[in-house]
N, C-alpha and C. Protein backbone atom coordinates (compact mmCIF):
# COMPACT_ATOMS: atom_id res chain seq x y z
N MET A 1 11.06 -4.33 -10.13
CA MET A 1 11.49 -4.34 -11.17
C MET A 1 10.31 -5.32 -11.56
N SER A 2 9.96 -4.70 -13.09
CA SER A 2 8.79 -5.31 -13.43
C SER A 2 9.51 -5.13 -15.59
N ASN A 3 8.49 -6.12 -16.16
CA ASN A 3 8.82 -5.15 -17.74
C ASN A 3 8.11 -5.03 -18.67
N ASN A 4 8.58 -4.21 -19.55
CA ASN A 4 7.70 -3.07 -20.17
C ASN A 4 5.95 -3.91 -20.65
N THR A 5 5.58 -3.31 -20.95
CA THR A 5 4.43 -3.64 -21.15
C THR A 5 3.46 -3.11 -22.69
N VAL A 6 2.29 -3.38 -23.14
CA VAL A 6 1.53 -3.06 -24.00
C VAL A 6 0.60 -3.56 -24.25
N GLU A 7 -0.33 -2.89 -24.40
CA GLU A 7 -2.01 -3.33 -24.35
C GLU A 7 -2.68 -2.96 -25.28
N LEU A 8 -3.47 -3.49 -26.19
CA LEU A 8 -4.45 -2.64 -27.64
C LEU A 8 -5.58 -2.60 -26.34
N ILE A 9 -6.01 -1.02 -26.72
CA ILE A 9 -7.20 -0.70 -25.44
C ILE A 9 -8.07 0.03 -26.46
N GLY A 10 -8.02 0.07 -28.17
CA GLY A 10 -8.94 0.10 -28.68
C GLY A 10 -8.50 0.29 -29.90
N HIS A 11 -9.52 0.48 -31.29
CA HIS A 11 -8.95 0.90 -32.64
C HIS A 11 -10.38 0.68 -33.39
N TYR A 12 -9.95 1.49 -34.65
CA TYR A 12 -11.16 2.52 -35.46
C TYR A 12 -10.40 2.20 -36.39
N GLY A 13 -11.67 1.79 -37.57
CA GLY A 13 -11.12 1.38 -39.08
C GLY A 13 -11.50 -0.43 -39.61
N SER A 14 -11.28 -0.18 -40.70
CA SER A 14 -10.89 -1.45 -41.33
C SER A 14 -10.36 -1.16 -42.29
N ASP A 15 -9.98 -2.17 -43.19
CA ASP A 15 -9.26 -2.63 -44.50
C ASP A 15 -10.33 -1.88 -44.98
N GLU A 16 -11.88 -2.18 -45.07
CA GLU A 16 -12.72 -2.05 -45.86
C GLU A 16 -13.15 0.01 -45.69
N LEU A 17 -12.90 1.02 -44.77
CA LEU A 17 -13.00 1.96 -44.41
C LEU A 17 -11.59 2.39 -45.19
N ILE A 18 -10.97 2.25 -45.05
CA ILE A 18 -9.65 2.53 -46.42
C ILE A 18 -10.13 2.40 -47.06
N ALA A 19 -9.81 1.56 -48.02
CA ALA A 19 -10.69 1.47 -48.95
C ALA A 19 -11.83 2.52 -49.46
N LEU A 20 -12.91 2.73 -48.72
CA LEU A 20 -14.09 3.67 -49.01
C LEU A 20 -13.35 4.98 -49.29
N SER A 21 -12.54 5.11 -48.17
CA SER A 21 -11.88 6.46 -47.98
C SER A 21 -11.34 6.74 -49.54
N ALA A 22 -10.17 6.17 -49.81
CA ALA A 22 -9.46 6.25 -51.41
C ALA A 22 -10.66 5.96 -52.56
N TRP A 23 -11.34 5.27 -52.55
CA TRP A 23 -12.59 5.60 -53.97
C TRP A 23 -13.01 6.86 -53.29
N THR A 24 -13.06 7.44 -52.34
CA THR A 24 -14.29 8.99 -52.39
C THR A 24 -14.06 9.22 -53.23
N SER A 25 -12.57 9.70 -54.13
CA SER A 25 -12.60 10.67 -55.21
C SER A 25 -13.79 9.81 -56.86
N THR A 26 -14.11 8.72 -56.89
CA THR A 26 -14.95 8.48 -57.55
C THR A 26 -16.41 8.16 -57.41
N SER A 27 -16.22 6.77 -56.69
CA SER A 27 -16.98 6.56 -56.12
C SER A 27 -17.10 5.39 -54.95
N ARG A 28 -17.95 5.47 -53.37
CA ARG A 28 -17.86 4.55 -52.40
C ARG A 28 -18.95 3.54 -52.72
N ASP A 29 -19.80 3.38 -53.83
CA ASP A 29 -20.73 2.49 -54.11
C ASP A 29 -20.10 0.82 -53.91
N LEU A 30 -20.40 0.13 -52.77
CA LEU A 30 -19.53 -1.59 -52.43
C LEU A 30 -20.67 -2.55 -52.76
N ASP A 31 -20.00 -2.84 -53.56
CA ASP A 31 -20.60 -3.70 -53.78
C ASP A 31 -19.52 -5.70 -53.73
N ASP A 32 -19.50 -6.73 -54.16
CA ASP A 32 -19.29 -7.67 -53.94
C ASP A 32 -18.07 -7.70 -54.64
N ALA A 33 -18.05 -7.70 -55.69
CA ALA A 33 -17.14 -7.17 -56.84
C ALA A 33 -16.30 -5.72 -56.66
N LYS A 34 -16.66 -5.33 -55.97
CA LYS A 34 -15.57 -3.56 -55.40
C LYS A 34 -14.98 -4.79 -54.54
N LYS A 35 -15.59 -5.56 -53.13
CA LYS A 35 -14.93 -5.19 -52.42
C LYS A 35 -13.60 -6.45 -52.41
N ASP A 36 -14.05 -7.69 -53.10
CA ASP A 36 -12.73 -8.02 -54.02
C ASP A 36 -11.74 -7.37 -54.53
N ARG A 37 -12.16 -6.28 -55.05
CA ARG A 37 -10.30 -5.43 -55.40
C ARG A 37 -10.10 -4.66 -53.96
N ILE A 38 -10.26 -5.43 -52.81
CA ILE A 38 -9.95 -4.33 -51.93
C ILE A 38 -8.26 -5.01 -51.46
N PRO A 39 -7.96 -5.82 -51.66
CA PRO A 39 -6.79 -6.30 -50.82
C PRO A 39 -5.48 -5.51 -51.82
N ALA A 40 -6.40 -5.64 -53.37
CA ALA A 40 -5.38 -5.21 -54.58
C ALA A 40 -5.02 -3.63 -54.00
N LEU A 41 -6.51 -3.04 -53.88
CA LEU A 41 -6.14 -2.11 -54.02
C LEU A 41 -5.77 -1.51 -52.89
N LEU A 42 -5.20 -1.69 -51.55
CA LEU A 42 -4.83 -1.24 -50.44
C LEU A 42 -3.06 -1.58 -50.44
N LYS A 43 -2.41 -2.73 -51.94
CA LYS A 43 -1.58 -2.93 -51.73
C LYS A 43 -1.03 -1.96 -52.96
N THR A 44 -1.83 -1.15 -53.60
CA THR A 44 -1.23 -0.77 -54.98
C THR A 44 -0.83 1.09 -53.86
N LEU A 45 -1.52 1.29 -52.83
CA LEU A 45 -1.49 2.25 -52.60
C LEU A 45 -0.77 2.38 -51.92
N ALA A 46 -0.45 1.26 -50.86
CA ALA A 46 0.89 1.00 -49.74
C ALA A 46 2.37 1.32 -50.98
N GLU A 47 2.00 0.49 -51.63
CA GLU A 47 3.29 0.73 -52.37
C GLU A 47 4.23 1.51 -53.17
N ASN A 48 2.94 2.78 -53.48
CA ASN A 48 3.31 3.82 -54.65
C ASN A 48 3.02 4.81 -53.47
N GLY A 49 2.62 4.84 -52.08
CA GLY A 49 3.27 5.83 -51.32
C GLY A 49 1.95 6.84 -51.18
N HIS A 50 0.59 6.20 -51.70
CA HIS A 50 -0.69 6.90 -50.90
C HIS A 50 -1.54 6.49 -50.42
N HIS A 51 -0.64 7.25 -48.76
CA HIS A 51 -0.92 6.57 -47.82
C HIS A 51 -2.37 7.83 -46.94
N THR A 52 -2.00 8.66 -47.53
CA THR A 52 -3.56 9.77 -46.58
C THR A 52 -4.58 8.70 -45.97
N PRO A 53 -5.20 7.59 -47.31
CA PRO A 53 -6.76 6.87 -46.63
C PRO A 53 -6.29 6.13 -45.86
N PHE A 54 -4.76 5.71 -45.55
CA PHE A 54 -5.01 4.94 -44.73
C PHE A 54 -4.95 5.54 -42.59
N GLU A 55 -5.00 7.11 -42.64
CA GLU A 55 -5.33 7.59 -41.94
C GLU A 55 -6.14 7.56 -41.35
N LYS A 56 -7.45 7.06 -41.71
CA LYS A 56 -8.50 6.81 -41.46
C LYS A 56 -9.22 5.84 -40.64
N SER A 57 -8.04 4.77 -39.96
CA SER A 57 -8.23 4.36 -38.95
C SER A 57 -7.50 4.44 -38.12
N SER A 58 -7.23 4.12 -36.89
CA SER A 58 -6.57 4.21 -35.92
C SER A 58 -6.27 3.07 -35.15
N LEU A 59 -5.48 2.96 -34.36
CA LEU A 59 -5.24 2.36 -32.91
C LEU A 59 -4.74 2.97 -31.96
N HIS A 60 -5.00 2.27 -30.95
CA HIS A 60 -5.20 2.64 -29.45
C HIS A 60 -4.68 1.69 -28.78
N PHE A 61 -3.13 2.17 -27.54
CA PHE A 61 -2.46 1.54 -27.16
C PHE A 61 -2.39 2.41 -25.61
N LEU A 62 -2.07 1.29 -24.93
CA LEU A 62 -1.65 1.97 -23.28
C LEU A 62 -0.29 0.67 -22.52
N VAL A 63 1.15 1.42 -22.91
CA VAL A 63 1.96 1.47 -22.65
C VAL A 63 2.70 1.65 -21.51
N THR A 64 3.40 0.66 -20.55
CA THR A 64 4.40 0.83 -19.61
C THR A 64 5.70 0.70 -20.22
N SER A 65 6.63 1.84 -20.09
CA SER A 65 7.80 1.22 -20.71
C SER A 65 8.78 1.79 -19.52
N ASP A 66 9.96 2.06 -19.81
CA ASP A 66 11.05 2.96 -18.94
C ASP A 66 10.96 4.42 -20.14
N ILE A 67 11.60 5.35 -19.09
CA ILE A 67 11.31 6.40 -19.62
C ILE A 67 12.14 6.73 -21.49
N ALA A 68 13.73 6.13 -20.90
CA ALA A 68 14.09 6.18 -22.65
C ALA A 68 13.58 5.57 -23.33
N THR A 69 12.97 4.98 -23.39
CA THR A 69 11.99 4.37 -24.60
C THR A 69 10.53 4.99 -24.74
N HIS A 70 10.28 5.53 -23.44
CA HIS A 70 8.74 6.53 -23.39
C HIS A 70 9.50 7.95 -25.02
N ILE A 71 10.87 8.29 -24.27
CA ILE A 71 11.44 9.45 -25.22
C ILE A 71 11.10 9.24 -26.62
N HIS A 72 11.60 7.64 -27.30
CA HIS A 72 10.74 7.11 -28.69
C HIS A 72 9.91 7.23 -28.83
N LEU A 73 9.26 6.93 -28.19
CA LEU A 73 7.58 7.22 -28.85
C LEU A 73 7.21 8.53 -28.79
N LEU A 74 7.62 9.50 -27.83
CA LEU A 74 7.16 10.96 -27.84
C LEU A 74 8.11 11.56 -29.68
N LYS A 75 9.39 10.77 -30.06
CA LYS A 75 9.50 11.32 -31.15
C LYS A 75 8.43 11.46 -32.24
N HIS A 76 7.67 10.58 -32.34
CA HIS A 76 6.09 10.73 -33.16
C HIS A 76 5.57 11.34 -33.37
N ARG A 77 5.62 12.29 -34.22
CA ARG A 77 3.80 13.14 -33.42
C ARG A 77 3.20 13.45 -34.49
N ILE A 78 3.52 13.13 -36.05
CA ILE A 78 2.63 13.69 -36.86
C ILE A 78 1.28 12.35 -36.42
N GLY A 79 0.28 12.36 -36.63
CA GLY A 79 -1.05 11.78 -36.46
C GLY A 79 -0.80 10.57 -35.34
N VAL A 80 0.23 11.58 -33.76
CA VAL A 80 -0.17 10.13 -32.70
C VAL A 80 -0.50 10.87 -31.86
N SER A 81 -1.10 10.57 -30.79
CA SER A 81 -1.69 11.26 -29.23
C SER A 81 -1.49 10.80 -28.59
N THR A 82 0.00 11.29 -27.92
CA THR A 82 0.54 10.87 -26.36
C THR A 82 -0.18 11.68 -24.99
N ASN A 83 -0.33 10.67 -23.99
CA ASN A 83 -0.60 11.57 -22.84
C ASN A 83 -0.29 10.39 -21.37
N ALA A 84 1.08 11.15 -21.05
CA ALA A 84 1.20 10.02 -20.43
C ALA A 84 1.21 10.71 -18.63
N GLU A 85 2.05 9.33 -17.95
CA GLU A 85 1.89 9.64 -16.50
C GLU A 85 2.76 10.43 -16.10
N SER A 86 2.56 11.21 -15.36
CA SER A 86 3.97 12.44 -14.82
C SER A 86 3.61 12.55 -13.80
N ALA A 87 4.88 12.59 -13.11
CA ALA A 87 6.23 12.84 -11.83
C ALA A 87 5.78 14.20 -11.38
N ARG A 88 5.53 14.80 -12.35
CA ARG A 88 5.08 16.64 -12.24
C ARG A 88 3.91 17.34 -10.87
N TYR A 89 3.01 15.91 -11.45
CA TYR A 89 1.67 15.88 -10.71
C TYR A 89 1.25 15.43 -9.87
N LYS A 90 1.74 14.32 -9.60
CA LYS A 90 1.69 12.71 -8.27
C LYS A 90 3.09 12.63 -8.54
N GLU A 91 3.28 11.70 -7.14
CA GLU A 91 4.31 11.16 -6.39
C GLU A 91 3.86 9.69 -7.06
N LEU A 92 5.06 10.05 -7.85
CA LEU A 92 5.81 8.10 -8.47
C LEU A 92 5.84 7.20 -7.07
N LYS A 93 4.75 6.46 -6.52
CA LYS A 93 4.69 5.74 -5.52
C LYS A 93 5.71 4.72 -5.90
N GLU A 94 4.86 3.74 -6.34
CA GLU A 94 4.69 2.48 -7.12
C GLU A 94 6.61 1.81 -7.04
N ASP A 95 7.20 3.00 -7.77
CA ASP A 95 8.29 2.64 -8.34
C ASP A 95 9.26 1.40 -9.00
N ASN A 96 8.05 1.47 -10.24
CA ASN A 96 8.31 0.54 -10.71
C ASN A 96 9.60 1.09 -11.85
N TYR A 97 10.36 -0.06 -12.25
CA TYR A 97 11.76 0.02 -13.44
C TYR A 97 12.09 -1.40 -13.68
N TYR A 98 12.80 -0.44 -14.63
CA TYR A 98 13.36 -1.52 -15.70
C TYR A 98 14.26 -2.46 -15.77
N ILE A 99 14.91 -3.38 -16.13
CA ILE A 99 16.18 -4.32 -16.01
C ILE A 99 16.68 -4.23 -17.44
N PRO A 100 17.12 -3.99 -18.64
CA PRO A 100 17.78 -5.52 -19.13
C PRO A 100 17.72 -6.85 -18.96
N GLU A 101 17.39 -7.28 -19.85
CA GLU A 101 17.58 -9.16 -19.59
C GLU A 101 19.10 -9.73 -20.10
N ASP A 102 19.48 -8.69 -21.27
CA ASP A 102 20.60 -8.92 -21.48
C ASP A 102 21.56 -8.52 -20.35
N TRP A 103 21.50 -8.03 -19.83
CA TRP A 103 22.90 -7.76 -18.68
C TRP A 103 22.70 -8.41 -17.47
N LYS A 104 21.41 -9.69 -17.46
CA LYS A 104 21.83 -10.47 -16.44
C LYS A 104 23.03 -11.21 -15.91
N ASP A 105 24.04 -11.62 -16.83
CA ASP A 105 25.21 -12.45 -16.40
C ASP A 105 26.18 -11.55 -17.21
N ILE A 106 26.26 -10.60 -17.37
CA ILE A 106 27.44 -9.39 -17.27
C ILE A 106 28.44 -9.15 -16.38
N GLU A 107 29.45 -9.98 -16.39
CA GLU A 107 29.81 -8.96 -14.97
C GLU A 107 31.06 -8.03 -14.88
N ILE A 108 30.57 -7.66 -13.58
CA ILE A 108 31.45 -5.65 -13.58
C ILE A 108 32.66 -6.47 -13.72
N LYS A 109 34.33 -5.93 -13.92
CA LYS A 109 35.04 -6.21 -14.37
C LYS A 109 36.42 -5.06 -14.27
N SER A 110 35.17 -3.70 -14.19
CA SER A 110 36.15 -2.00 -14.10
C SER A 110 36.00 -2.29 -12.64
N GLY A 111 36.64 -3.21 -11.42
CA GLY A 111 36.42 -1.76 -10.07
C GLY A 111 35.38 -2.32 -9.73
N SER A 112 35.16 -2.83 -7.91
CA SER A 112 34.59 -3.28 -7.08
C SER A 112 32.91 -1.54 -7.36
N VAL A 113 31.87 -2.61 -7.78
CA VAL A 113 30.82 -1.80 -7.69
C VAL A 113 29.78 -1.84 -7.09
N GLU A 114 29.85 -1.21 -5.89
CA GLU A 114 28.63 -1.60 -4.96
C GLU A 114 28.58 -2.70 -4.09
N GLU A 115 29.47 -3.18 -4.41
CA GLU A 115 30.02 -5.38 -4.15
C GLU A 115 28.78 -5.53 -4.82
N LYS A 116 28.63 -5.31 -6.03
CA LYS A 116 27.92 -6.43 -7.05
C LYS A 116 28.27 -7.32 -7.99
N ASP A 117 28.00 -8.41 -8.24
CA ASP A 117 28.27 -9.09 -9.05
C ASP A 117 28.64 -8.48 -11.34
N THR A 118 26.99 -8.25 -10.93
CA THR A 118 26.96 -7.90 -12.15
C THR A 118 26.22 -6.78 -12.64
N TRP A 119 26.43 -6.33 -13.82
CA TRP A 119 25.99 -4.58 -13.96
C TRP A 119 24.37 -4.93 -14.60
N ALA A 120 23.87 -5.67 -13.55
CA ALA A 120 22.39 -5.12 -13.66
C ALA A 120 21.38 -5.35 -12.29
N ASP A 121 23.08 -6.35 -11.57
CA ASP A 121 22.60 -6.24 -10.26
C ASP A 121 22.72 -4.73 -10.04
N ALA A 122 24.75 -3.91 -10.40
CA ALA A 122 24.44 -2.38 -9.95
C ALA A 122 23.40 -1.94 -10.67
N LEU A 123 22.84 -1.41 -11.44
CA LEU A 123 21.77 -0.88 -11.92
C LEU A 123 20.34 -1.04 -11.08
N GLU A 124 20.25 -1.54 -10.71
CA GLU A 124 19.14 -2.53 -9.48
C GLU A 124 19.36 -1.58 -9.01
N ALA A 125 20.13 -1.89 -8.00
CA ALA A 125 20.78 -1.23 -6.56
C ALA A 125 20.43 0.44 -6.64
N TYR A 126 21.00 0.87 -8.24
CA TYR A 126 21.48 2.39 -8.13
C TYR A 126 19.91 2.60 -8.49
N THR A 127 19.19 2.31 -8.42
CA THR A 127 17.48 2.49 -9.22
C THR A 127 16.98 3.02 -7.64
N GLU A 128 17.79 1.91 -6.85
CA GLU A 128 16.65 1.54 -5.72
C GLU A 128 17.43 2.60 -4.54
N TYR A 129 18.54 2.73 -5.10
CA TYR A 129 18.45 4.13 -4.07
C TYR A 129 18.18 5.34 -4.44
N GLY A 130 18.46 5.38 -6.17
CA GLY A 130 17.81 6.97 -5.97
C GLY A 130 16.28 6.76 -6.14
N ASN A 131 15.63 5.79 -6.25
CA ASN A 131 13.53 5.72 -5.51
C ASN A 131 14.02 6.04 -3.83
N VAL A 132 14.48 6.32 -2.81
CA VAL A 132 14.98 5.71 -1.79
C VAL A 132 14.98 8.14 -1.85
N LEU A 133 16.09 7.94 -3.05
CA LEU A 133 16.11 9.60 -2.31
C LEU A 133 15.87 10.52 -3.28
N TYR A 134 14.26 10.13 -3.92
CA TYR A 134 13.41 10.48 -4.71
C TYR A 134 12.18 11.36 -3.35
N HIS A 135 11.54 9.82 -2.99
CA HIS A 135 10.56 10.03 -1.28
C HIS A 135 11.22 10.95 -0.60
N LYS A 136 12.79 11.15 -0.34
CA LYS A 136 13.00 11.74 1.12
C LYS A 136 13.30 13.32 1.06
N CYS A 137 13.77 13.46 -1.20
CA CYS A 137 13.84 14.81 -1.33
C CYS A 137 12.25 15.10 -1.65
N LEU A 138 11.67 14.46 -2.05
CA LEU A 138 10.21 15.42 -1.82
C LEU A 138 10.01 15.86 -0.19
N ASP A 139 9.71 15.02 0.31
CA ASP A 139 9.21 15.28 2.29
C ASP A 139 9.96 16.00 2.53
N ASP A 140 11.44 16.11 2.44
CA ASP A 140 12.49 17.59 2.62
C ASP A 140 11.74 18.70 1.23
N LEU A 141 11.80 18.48 0.71
CA LEU A 141 11.47 19.59 -0.09
C LEU A 141 10.14 20.79 -0.07
N THR A 142 8.84 19.58 0.36
CA THR A 142 7.68 20.48 0.31
C THR A 142 7.43 21.58 1.28
N PRO A 143 7.79 21.19 2.73
CA PRO A 143 7.80 22.03 3.40
C PRO A 143 8.16 23.93 3.33
N VAL A 144 9.29 23.37 2.71
CA VAL A 144 9.99 24.37 1.97
C VAL A 144 10.06 25.46 0.71
N LEU A 145 9.49 24.46 -0.36
CA LEU A 145 9.18 24.87 -2.02
C LEU A 145 7.85 24.94 -2.25
N GLY A 146 7.47 24.39 -1.72
CA GLY A 146 5.58 23.75 -1.42
C GLY A 146 5.93 22.68 -2.59
N ARG A 147 4.74 21.45 -1.87
CA ARG A 147 4.92 20.16 -2.98
C ARG A 147 4.56 20.55 -4.21
N ALA A 148 4.00 21.65 -5.19
CA ALA A 148 3.94 21.36 -6.59
C ALA A 148 5.78 21.19 -6.86
N ARG A 149 7.05 22.77 -6.34
CA ARG A 149 7.90 22.18 -7.07
C ARG A 149 8.63 21.67 -6.24
N ALA A 150 8.11 20.57 -4.86
CA ALA A 150 8.68 19.57 -4.78
C ALA A 150 8.75 18.44 -5.44
N LYS A 151 7.49 18.07 -5.64
CA LYS A 151 7.39 17.19 -6.86
C LYS A 151 8.14 17.45 -8.42
N GLU A 152 7.87 18.72 -8.50
CA GLU A 152 8.37 18.40 -10.87
C GLU A 152 9.86 18.35 -9.82
N SER A 153 10.72 18.42 -9.48
CA SER A 153 12.11 18.71 -8.75
C SER A 153 12.87 17.35 -8.22
N ALA A 154 11.96 17.08 -7.24
CA ALA A 154 12.81 15.64 -6.42
C ALA A 154 12.68 14.50 -7.62
N ARG A 155 12.26 14.67 -8.74
CA ARG A 155 12.08 13.46 -9.86
C ARG A 155 13.12 13.44 -10.24
N PHE A 156 14.65 14.55 -9.71
CA PHE A 156 15.66 14.66 -11.10
C PHE A 156 15.91 13.14 -10.50
N PHE A 157 15.71 12.74 -9.39
CA PHE A 157 16.85 11.05 -8.22
C PHE A 157 15.88 10.77 -9.24
N LYS A 158 14.75 10.21 -10.05
CA LYS A 158 14.40 9.46 -10.75
C LYS A 158 15.51 9.08 -12.02
N THR A 159 15.61 7.57 -12.87
CA THR A 159 16.67 7.16 -13.44
C THR A 159 16.06 7.12 -14.75
N TYR A 160 16.48 6.72 -15.48
CA TYR A 160 16.12 7.00 -17.20
C TYR A 160 15.53 5.02 -17.38
N ASN A 161 15.91 4.41 -16.20
CA ASN A 161 14.86 2.66 -16.26
C ASN A 161 13.76 3.16 -15.54
N SER A 162 12.77 4.06 -15.07
CA SER A 162 12.05 4.27 -13.94
C SER A 162 11.10 4.06 -15.19
N GLN A 163 10.13 2.85 -14.61
CA GLN A 163 8.29 2.75 -15.39
C GLN A 163 7.62 4.03 -15.43
N ILE A 164 6.97 4.49 -16.72
CA ILE A 164 5.47 5.45 -16.75
C ILE A 164 4.45 4.90 -17.26
N THR A 165 3.19 5.07 -16.88
CA THR A 165 2.25 4.86 -17.84
C THR A 165 2.13 5.24 -18.91
N CYS A 166 1.84 5.45 -20.54
CA CYS A 166 1.17 6.20 -21.41
C CYS A 166 0.32 5.48 -21.65
N ASP A 167 -1.09 6.59 -22.36
CA ASP A 167 -1.32 5.78 -23.43
C ASP A 167 -1.45 6.92 -25.06
N ILE A 168 -1.90 5.56 -26.20
CA ILE A 168 -1.06 6.42 -27.50
C ILE A 168 -2.05 5.56 -28.38
N MET A 169 -2.36 6.80 -29.21
CA MET A 169 -2.53 6.54 -30.12
C MET A 169 -2.14 6.66 -31.61
N PHE A 170 -2.09 6.03 -32.57
CA PHE A 170 -1.93 6.27 -34.02
C PHE A 170 -2.72 5.96 -35.22
N ASN A 171 -2.66 6.93 -35.52
CA ASN A 171 -3.53 6.39 -37.17
C ASN A 171 -2.48 5.30 -38.04
N TRP A 172 -2.82 4.80 -38.40
CA TRP A 172 -2.40 3.81 -39.56
C TRP A 172 -1.33 3.95 -40.31
N ARG A 173 -1.41 5.49 -40.71
CA ARG A 173 -0.26 5.78 -41.33
C ARG A 173 0.66 5.74 -40.31
N SER A 174 0.84 6.72 -39.26
CA SER A 174 1.69 7.44 -38.17
C SER A 174 2.07 5.51 -38.24
N PHE A 175 1.34 4.52 -37.76
CA PHE A 175 1.70 3.44 -37.01
C PHE A 175 2.56 2.76 -38.05
N TYR A 176 2.43 2.40 -39.29
CA TYR A 176 3.40 2.02 -40.40
C TYR A 176 4.61 2.80 -40.18
N HIS A 177 4.77 4.52 -40.25
CA HIS A 177 6.25 5.09 -39.78
C HIS A 177 6.49 4.59 -38.92
N PHE A 178 6.31 4.79 -37.72
CA PHE A 178 6.63 3.96 -36.64
C PHE A 178 7.21 2.86 -36.82
N LEU A 179 6.33 1.46 -37.13
CA LEU A 179 7.22 0.68 -37.57
C LEU A 179 8.38 0.45 -38.42
N GLU A 180 8.64 1.10 -39.41
CA GLU A 180 9.39 1.36 -40.36
C GLU A 180 11.12 1.91 -39.42
N LEU A 181 10.70 2.95 -38.51
CA LEU A 181 12.18 3.07 -38.16
C LEU A 181 11.91 2.10 -36.36
N ARG A 182 11.61 1.84 -36.07
CA ARG A 182 11.43 0.81 -34.39
C ARG A 182 11.25 -0.63 -34.37
N ASN A 183 10.86 -0.76 -35.61
CA ASN A 183 10.73 -2.47 -35.74
C ASN A 183 12.06 -2.90 -36.86
N LYS A 184 13.08 -2.45 -36.54
CA LYS A 184 14.36 -2.58 -37.56
C LYS A 184 15.42 -3.03 -36.80
N PRO A 185 16.24 -4.15 -37.55
CA PRO A 185 17.60 -4.69 -36.86
C PRO A 185 18.36 -3.48 -35.70
N SER A 186 18.34 -2.33 -35.97
CA SER A 186 19.29 -1.27 -36.28
C SER A 186 18.57 -0.32 -34.63
N ALA A 187 16.91 -0.52 -34.88
CA ALA A 187 16.35 -0.03 -33.20
C ALA A 187 17.43 -0.40 -32.24
N GLN A 188 16.82 0.88 -30.78
CA GLN A 188 17.56 0.07 -29.79
C GLN A 188 16.01 -1.06 -29.48
N LYS A 189 16.76 -2.28 -28.56
CA LYS A 189 15.82 -3.39 -28.57
C LYS A 189 14.70 -3.32 -27.51
N GLU A 190 14.49 -2.16 -26.45
CA GLU A 190 13.40 -1.85 -26.03
C GLU A 190 12.45 -1.60 -26.66
N ILE A 191 12.29 -0.69 -27.74
CA ILE A 191 11.14 0.07 -28.53
C ILE A 191 11.31 -0.91 -29.81
N LYS A 192 12.09 -2.14 -30.06
CA LYS A 192 11.89 -3.13 -30.98
C LYS A 192 10.57 -3.94 -30.57
N GLU A 193 10.74 -4.19 -29.38
CA GLU A 193 10.26 -5.61 -28.63
C GLU A 193 8.72 -4.69 -28.64
N LEU A 194 9.27 -3.62 -28.52
CA LEU A 194 7.34 -2.62 -27.71
C LEU A 194 6.55 -3.11 -29.81
N ALA A 195 6.89 -2.34 -30.10
CA ALA A 195 6.56 -2.25 -31.78
C ALA A 195 6.20 -3.87 -32.05
N GLN A 196 6.94 -4.74 -32.01
CA GLN A 196 6.65 -5.99 -32.47
C GLN A 196 5.79 -6.30 -31.56
N SER A 197 5.79 -6.04 -30.26
CA SER A 197 4.48 -6.11 -29.65
C SER A 197 3.12 -5.97 -30.16
N MET A 198 3.49 -4.81 -30.76
CA MET A 198 2.04 -3.51 -30.72
C MET A 198 1.69 -4.54 -32.19
N LEU A 199 2.31 -4.72 -33.19
CA LEU A 199 2.24 -5.38 -34.43
C LEU A 199 1.58 -6.51 -34.15
N GLU A 200 2.24 -7.41 -33.58
CA GLU A 200 1.34 -8.70 -32.54
C GLU A 200 -0.39 -8.64 -33.03
N LEU A 201 -0.52 -7.36 -31.75
CA LEU A 201 -1.70 -7.33 -31.27
C LEU A 201 -2.56 -7.09 -32.42
N ILE A 202 -2.14 -5.64 -32.86
CA ILE A 202 -3.06 -5.99 -34.31
C ILE A 202 -3.24 -6.75 -34.91
N LYS A 203 -2.28 -7.92 -35.51
CA LYS A 203 -2.86 -9.34 -35.65
C LYS A 203 -3.93 -10.06 -35.56
N SER A 204 -3.74 -9.54 -34.15
CA SER A 204 -4.63 -11.03 -32.92
C SER A 204 -5.80 -9.84 -32.79
N ILE A 205 -6.91 -9.02 -33.96
CA ILE A 205 -7.52 -8.66 -33.42
C ILE A 205 -8.66 -9.73 -34.10
N PRO A 206 -10.05 -9.92 -33.32
CA PRO A 206 -11.08 -10.86 -33.32
C PRO A 206 -11.30 -10.56 -35.60
N ASN A 207 -11.44 -11.23 -36.29
CA ASN A 207 -12.15 -11.00 -37.39
C ASN A 207 -11.29 -10.04 -38.19
N ASN A 208 -9.84 -10.27 -37.25
CA ASN A 208 -8.50 -9.08 -38.86
C ASN A 208 -9.35 -8.42 -39.77
N PRO A 209 -9.53 -7.10 -38.67
CA PRO A 209 -10.58 -6.38 -39.55
C PRO A 209 -9.01 -5.29 -40.37
N PHE A 210 -7.80 -5.46 -40.49
CA PHE A 210 -7.01 -4.87 -40.96
C PHE A 210 -5.69 -6.17 -41.35
N GLN A 211 -6.17 -7.26 -42.13
CA GLN A 211 -6.02 -8.24 -42.49
C GLN A 211 -5.06 -7.66 -43.50
N TYR A 212 -5.46 -6.58 -44.65
CA TYR A 212 -5.28 -6.35 -45.61
C TYR A 212 -4.12 -4.70 -45.94
N THR A 213 -4.21 -4.58 -45.51
CA THR A 213 -3.38 -3.52 -44.97
C THR A 213 -2.24 -4.11 -44.47
N ILE A 214 -1.82 -4.82 -43.47
CA ILE A 214 -0.82 -5.61 -43.03
C ILE A 214 0.03 -5.94 -44.28
N GLU A 215 -0.79 -6.36 -45.36
CA GLU A 215 0.06 -7.61 -45.75
C GLU A 215 0.23 -6.27 -46.76
N ALA A 216 -0.47 -5.07 -47.15
CA ALA A 216 0.00 -4.66 -47.72
C ALA A 216 1.32 -3.55 -47.33
N PHE A 217 1.73 -3.34 -46.76
CA PHE A 217 2.82 -2.58 -46.05
C PHE A 217 4.08 -4.18 -45.48
N ASN A 218 3.49 -5.48 -46.10
CA ASN A 218 4.43 -6.19 -45.92
C ASN A 218 4.76 -6.79 -44.63
N LEU A 219 3.98 -6.57 -43.48
CA LEU A 219 4.35 -6.51 -42.55
C LEU A 219 3.76 -7.85 -41.33
């Protein structure tokens, strides 16, 4: 059992690069006076929906999350590149999974569930049993159906809280759209926490290359 995690593994661009993209239609010549105009320019672009220049910078993350949260990431397709660990191509031997922290002390009151006291305990037992069945099924299906079919079908025993790792890259425009949907009070807790962690990582980049972009979008 482990928490979902996110790591910033790369980024490209900066406030200046975004501003230069916007200035392409007039002049990309850059002096100190023009540099001083970058914060106001980015704010104007953001507030008026002129978001194309923000596509010129990108953010690259490595995310380990439960499958339910991973599905939220997959729904973002415009300006987003995702490649994930796949149980179709390999056996998931680590059996990593996620248990919601806010389930920890919620007692089971609707009858006995595997003699467990809390729903967190019940989910953990259920997940571990599914993992056992996954590996046993894979072993037994392989000589009959072949390794490829065994792998892609034995994973039906994997639960939605099983964790996989993916790398995902957003351009800044798509990242803002992601935050609009996933970093709000009504978002699912797990994807909201992931979005918040991503934003904090961006804010912590040395020399703060996206300071004015963050301020422009009121992030």
